[in-house]
Amino acid sequence: MFLPEILEVVMVVCFGISWPLSIIKSYRARTTKGKSIIFLCFILLGYACGIASKIASHNINYVILFYIINFVMVFIDAMIYFRNRRIDKGLIKE
């Protein structure tokens, strides 16, 4: 393994550690208060660009897996946001 790859994995893992906690908090809170869909969209865009960068540079290695995992977790959090927004509007019974 090369040092740049190790550092990239550490960066993506550090970013990714918070997403499971955010998902759980969002699911339990059942509200969008304190949550920004714009923020989540920018994070999704960032991970998508990281994945695209790996593909475009023909540098597809194990690191891309961490980008994909983080992307999926943020996507799940975004989907929970939309569920919670429907709850806030009273479209879903609590």
N, C-alpha and C. Protein backbone atom coordinates (compact mmCIF):
# COMPACT_ATOMS: atom_id res chain seq x y z
N MET A 1 0.84 -1.19 0.00
CA MET A 1 0.00 0.00 0.00
C MET A 1 0.88 1.25 0.00
N PHE A 2 0.40 2.25 -0.67
CA PHE A 2 1.11 3.51 -0.73
C PHE A 2 0.56 4.45 0.32
N LEU A 3 1.42 5.32 0.82
CA LEU A 3 1.03 6.27 1.84
C LEU A 3 -0.15 7.14 1.41
N PRO A 4 -0.19 7.66 0.17
CA PRO A 4 -1.36 8.46 -0.23
C PRO A 4 -2.68 7.70 -0.13
N GLU A 5 -2.68 6.42 -0.49
CA GLU A 5 -3.89 5.61 -0.39
C GLU A 5 -4.31 5.42 1.06
N ILE A 6 -3.34 5.17 1.92
CA ILE A 6 -3.64 5.00 3.35
C ILE A 6 -4.24 6.28 3.91
N LEU A 7 -3.64 7.42 3.57
CA LEU A 7 -4.14 8.69 4.07
C LEU A 7 -5.55 8.98 3.53
N GLU A 8 -5.79 8.62 2.28
CA GLU A 8 -7.12 8.82 1.70
C GLU A 8 -8.16 7.95 2.41
N VAL A 9 -7.80 6.71 2.70
CA VAL A 9 -8.71 5.82 3.43
C VAL A 9 -9.01 6.39 4.81
N VAL A 10 -7.98 6.85 5.52
CA VAL A 10 -8.18 7.42 6.85
C VAL A 10 -9.12 8.63 6.77
N MET A 11 -8.93 9.49 5.75
CA MET A 11 -9.80 10.65 5.59
C MET A 11 -11.25 10.22 5.38
N VAL A 12 -11.48 9.31 4.46
CA VAL A 12 -12.85 8.89 4.15
C VAL A 12 -13.48 8.15 5.32
N VAL A 13 -12.72 7.33 6.02
CA VAL A 13 -13.25 6.62 7.19
C VAL A 13 -13.59 7.61 8.29
N CYS A 14 -12.74 8.61 8.51
CA CYS A 14 -13.05 9.62 9.53
C CYS A 14 -14.33 10.36 9.20
N PHE A 15 -14.51 10.72 7.93
CA PHE A 15 -15.76 11.37 7.53
C PHE A 15 -16.93 10.42 7.72
N GLY A 16 -16.72 9.15 7.41
CA GLY A 16 -17.80 8.18 7.43
C GLY A 16 -18.24 7.71 8.80
N ILE A 17 -17.42 7.90 9.81
CA ILE A 17 -17.76 7.43 11.15
C ILE A 17 -19.05 8.08 11.67
N SER A 18 -19.28 9.32 11.31
CA SER A 18 -20.44 10.03 11.85
C SER A 18 -21.75 9.65 11.17
N TRP A 19 -21.74 9.09 9.98
CA TRP A 19 -22.98 8.85 9.25
C TRP A 19 -23.91 7.83 9.90
N PRO A 20 -23.42 6.71 10.41
CA PRO A 20 -24.36 5.80 11.09
C PRO A 20 -25.06 6.47 12.28
N LEU A 21 -24.33 7.29 13.01
CA LEU A 21 -24.93 8.00 14.15
C LEU A 21 -25.97 9.01 13.67
N SER A 22 -25.68 9.69 12.57
CA SER A 22 -26.62 10.64 12.01
C SER A 22 -27.89 9.95 11.52
N ILE A 23 -27.73 8.80 10.90
CA ILE A 23 -28.88 8.03 10.42
C ILE A 23 -29.77 7.63 11.59
N ILE A 24 -29.17 7.10 12.63
CA ILE A 24 -29.94 6.67 13.81
C ILE A 24 -30.66 7.86 14.43
N LYS A 25 -29.94 8.98 14.58
CA LYS A 25 -30.54 10.18 15.18
C LYS A 25 -31.70 10.69 14.33
N SER A 26 -31.52 10.74 13.03
CA SER A 26 -32.58 11.20 12.13
C SER A 26 -33.80 10.29 12.20
N TYR A 27 -33.56 9.00 12.21
CA TYR A 27 -34.66 8.03 12.23
C TYR A 27 -35.47 8.16 13.52
N ARG A 28 -34.77 8.28 14.63
CA ARG A 28 -35.44 8.37 15.93
C ARG A 28 -36.11 9.73 16.14
N ALA A 29 -35.53 10.80 15.62
CA ALA A 29 -36.05 12.15 15.84
C ALA A 29 -37.40 12.36 15.17
N ARG A 30 -37.60 11.75 14.02
CA ARG A 30 -38.86 11.86 13.28
C ARG A 30 -39.23 13.31 12.95
N THR A 31 -38.20 14.15 12.76
CA THR A 31 -38.40 15.54 12.37
C THR A 31 -37.20 16.00 11.55
N THR A 32 -37.41 17.04 10.74
CA THR A 32 -36.31 17.60 9.96
C THR A 32 -35.62 18.75 10.68
N LYS A 33 -36.12 19.10 11.85
CA LYS A 33 -35.52 20.21 12.60
C LYS A 33 -34.03 19.92 12.86
N GLY A 34 -33.20 20.89 12.52
CA GLY A 34 -31.77 20.74 12.72
C GLY A 34 -31.06 19.99 11.61
N LYS A 35 -31.77 19.65 10.53
CA LYS A 35 -31.19 18.90 9.43
C LYS A 35 -31.29 19.74 8.16
N SER A 36 -30.26 19.71 7.34
CA SER A 36 -30.24 20.47 6.09
C SER A 36 -30.10 19.53 4.90
N ILE A 37 -31.12 19.51 4.05
CA ILE A 37 -31.05 18.68 2.85
C ILE A 37 -30.00 19.23 1.88
N ILE A 38 -29.78 20.55 1.89
CA ILE A 38 -28.75 21.15 1.03
C ILE A 38 -27.38 20.62 1.43
N PHE A 39 -27.13 20.57 2.73
CA PHE A 39 -25.87 20.04 3.23
C PHE A 39 -25.69 18.59 2.78
N LEU A 40 -26.72 17.78 2.94
CA LEU A 40 -26.64 16.37 2.54
C LEU A 40 -26.39 16.24 1.04
N CYS A 41 -27.02 17.10 0.26
CA CYS A 41 -26.81 17.05 -1.20
C CYS A 41 -25.37 17.40 -1.57
N PHE A 42 -24.78 18.38 -0.89
CA PHE A 42 -23.38 18.72 -1.16
C PHE A 42 -22.45 17.57 -0.76
N ILE A 43 -22.75 16.91 0.34
CA ILE A 43 -21.94 15.76 0.76
C ILE A 43 -22.06 14.64 -0.28
N LEU A 44 -23.29 14.38 -0.74
CA LEU A 44 -23.48 13.37 -1.78
C LEU A 44 -22.70 13.73 -3.04
N LEU A 45 -22.75 14.99 -3.43
CA LEU A 45 -22.00 15.44 -4.61
C LEU A 45 -20.50 15.22 -4.41
N GLY A 46 -20.02 15.54 -3.22
CA GLY A 46 -18.59 15.34 -2.93
C GLY A 46 -18.18 13.88 -3.05
N TYR A 47 -18.97 12.99 -2.48
CA TYR A 47 -18.63 11.56 -2.58
C TYR A 47 -18.77 11.08 -4.02
N ALA A 48 -19.76 11.57 -4.75
CA ALA A 48 -19.92 11.18 -6.16
C ALA A 48 -18.70 11.65 -6.97
N CYS A 49 -18.21 12.85 -6.68
CA CYS A 49 -17.02 13.35 -7.36
C CYS A 49 -15.78 12.53 -6.99
N GLY A 50 -15.69 12.10 -5.75
CA GLY A 50 -14.58 11.24 -5.34
C GLY A 50 -14.60 9.92 -6.10
N ILE A 51 -15.78 9.35 -6.25
CA ILE A 51 -15.93 8.09 -7.00
C ILE A 51 -15.59 8.33 -8.47
N ALA A 52 -16.13 9.41 -9.04
CA ALA A 52 -15.86 9.73 -10.44
C ALA A 52 -14.37 9.98 -10.68
N SER A 53 -13.72 10.62 -9.72
CA SER A 53 -12.29 10.88 -9.83
C SER A 53 -11.49 9.59 -9.90
N LYS A 54 -11.88 8.62 -9.06
CA LYS A 54 -11.20 7.33 -9.08
C LYS A 54 -11.37 6.65 -10.44
N ILE A 55 -12.58 6.72 -10.97
CA ILE A 55 -12.86 6.08 -12.26
C ILE A 55 -12.15 6.82 -13.39
N ALA A 56 -12.23 8.16 -13.39
CA ALA A 56 -11.63 8.96 -14.47
C ALA A 56 -10.11 8.82 -14.51
N SER A 57 -9.49 8.67 -13.36
CA SER A 57 -8.03 8.56 -13.30
C SER A 57 -7.54 7.13 -13.46
N HIS A 58 -8.49 6.21 -13.67
CA HIS A 58 -8.17 4.78 -13.78
C HIS A 58 -7.41 4.29 -12.56
N ASN A 59 -7.74 4.88 -11.42
CA ASN A 59 -7.11 4.52 -10.16
C ASN A 59 -8.14 3.82 -9.26
N ILE A 60 -8.82 2.85 -9.82
CA ILE A 60 -9.85 2.14 -9.08
C ILE A 60 -9.17 1.11 -8.19
N ASN A 61 -9.28 1.33 -6.89
CA ASN A 61 -8.70 0.41 -5.92
C ASN A 61 -9.68 0.28 -4.75
N TYR A 62 -9.22 -0.32 -3.69
CA TYR A 62 -10.10 -0.57 -2.53
C TYR A 62 -10.65 0.71 -1.92
N VAL A 63 -10.02 1.83 -2.11
CA VAL A 63 -10.45 3.10 -1.52
C VAL A 63 -11.84 3.49 -2.03
N ILE A 64 -12.14 3.15 -3.27
CA ILE A 64 -13.44 3.50 -3.85
C ILE A 64 -14.58 2.87 -3.05
N LEU A 65 -14.32 1.73 -2.45
CA LEU A 65 -15.33 1.07 -1.62
C LEU A 65 -15.77 1.97 -0.47
N PHE A 66 -14.82 2.65 0.16
CA PHE A 66 -15.14 3.55 1.27
C PHE A 66 -15.96 4.75 0.80
N TYR A 67 -15.65 5.26 -0.40
CA TYR A 67 -16.47 6.33 -0.97
C TYR A 67 -17.90 5.85 -1.21
N ILE A 68 -18.04 4.66 -1.74
CA ILE A 68 -19.37 4.11 -2.03
C ILE A 68 -20.15 3.89 -0.74
N ILE A 69 -19.51 3.31 0.27
CA ILE A 69 -20.19 3.09 1.55
C ILE A 69 -20.68 4.41 2.14
N ASN A 70 -19.82 5.43 2.13
CA ASN A 70 -20.22 6.73 2.66
C ASN A 70 -21.36 7.33 1.84
N PHE A 71 -21.27 7.22 0.52
CA PHE A 71 -22.33 7.74 -0.34
C PHE A 71 -23.67 7.09 0.01
N VAL A 72 -23.66 5.78 0.18
CA VAL A 72 -24.90 5.06 0.51
C VAL A 72 -25.44 5.52 1.87
N MET A 73 -24.58 5.69 2.84
CA MET A 73 -25.05 6.14 4.16
C MET A 73 -25.66 7.53 4.10
N VAL A 74 -25.03 8.44 3.37
CA VAL A 74 -25.58 9.79 3.25
C VAL A 74 -26.90 9.75 2.48
N PHE A 75 -26.99 8.90 1.46
CA PHE A 75 -28.23 8.74 0.70
C PHE A 75 -29.35 8.25 1.62
N ILE A 76 -29.05 7.29 2.48
CA ILE A 76 -30.04 6.79 3.44
C ILE A 76 -30.49 7.91 4.36
N ASP A 77 -29.55 8.70 4.85
CA ASP A 77 -29.88 9.83 5.72
C ASP A 77 -30.78 10.83 4.98
N ALA A 78 -30.50 11.06 3.70
CA ALA A 78 -31.34 11.96 2.90
C ALA A 78 -32.75 11.40 2.73
N MET A 79 -32.87 10.11 2.52
CA MET A 79 -34.19 9.50 2.38
C MET A 79 -34.98 9.61 3.69
N ILE A 80 -34.28 9.46 4.81
CA ILE A 80 -34.94 9.62 6.12
C ILE A 80 -35.38 11.07 6.28
N TYR A 81 -34.60 12.01 5.77
CA TYR A 81 -34.99 13.42 5.81
C TYR A 81 -36.36 13.60 5.15
N PHE A 82 -36.54 13.01 3.97
CA PHE A 82 -37.82 13.16 3.25
C PHE A 82 -38.96 12.47 3.99
N ARG A 83 -38.67 11.33 4.63
CA ARG A 83 -39.69 10.70 5.47
C ARG A 83 -40.06 11.63 6.62
N ASN A 84 -39.06 12.19 7.26
CA ASN A 84 -39.31 13.08 8.40
C ASN A 84 -40.04 14.36 7.98
N ARG A 85 -39.77 14.83 6.77
CA ARG A 85 -40.48 16.01 6.29
C ARG A 85 -41.97 15.71 6.12
N ARG A 86 -42.28 14.50 5.64
CA ARG A 86 -43.68 14.09 5.52
C ARG A 86 -44.33 13.98 6.90
N ILE A 87 -43.56 13.51 7.88
CA ILE A 87 -44.07 13.44 9.26
C ILE A 87 -44.33 14.86 9.77
N ASP A 88 -43.38 15.79 9.53
CA ASP A 88 -43.55 17.18 9.97
C ASP A 88 -44.80 17.80 9.37
N LYS A 89 -45.11 17.45 8.13
CA LYS A 89 -46.29 18.01 7.45
C LYS A 89 -47.58 17.28 7.83
N GLY A 90 -47.46 16.24 8.63
CA GLY A 90 -48.63 15.49 9.06
C GLY A 90 -49.15 14.50 8.04
N LEU A 91 -48.35 14.20 7.02
CA LEU A 91 -48.76 13.26 5.99
C LEU A 91 -48.57 11.81 6.42
N ILE A 92 -47.74 11.60 7.42
CA ILE A 92 -47.52 10.28 7.98
C ILE A 92 -47.86 10.36 9.46
N LYS A 93 -48.65 9.43 9.94
CA LYS A 93 -49.04 9.40 11.36
C LYS A 93 -47.85 8.91 12.18
N GLU A 94 -47.70 9.49 13.37
CA GLU A 94 -46.63 9.06 14.26
C GLU A 94 -47.01 7.88 15.07
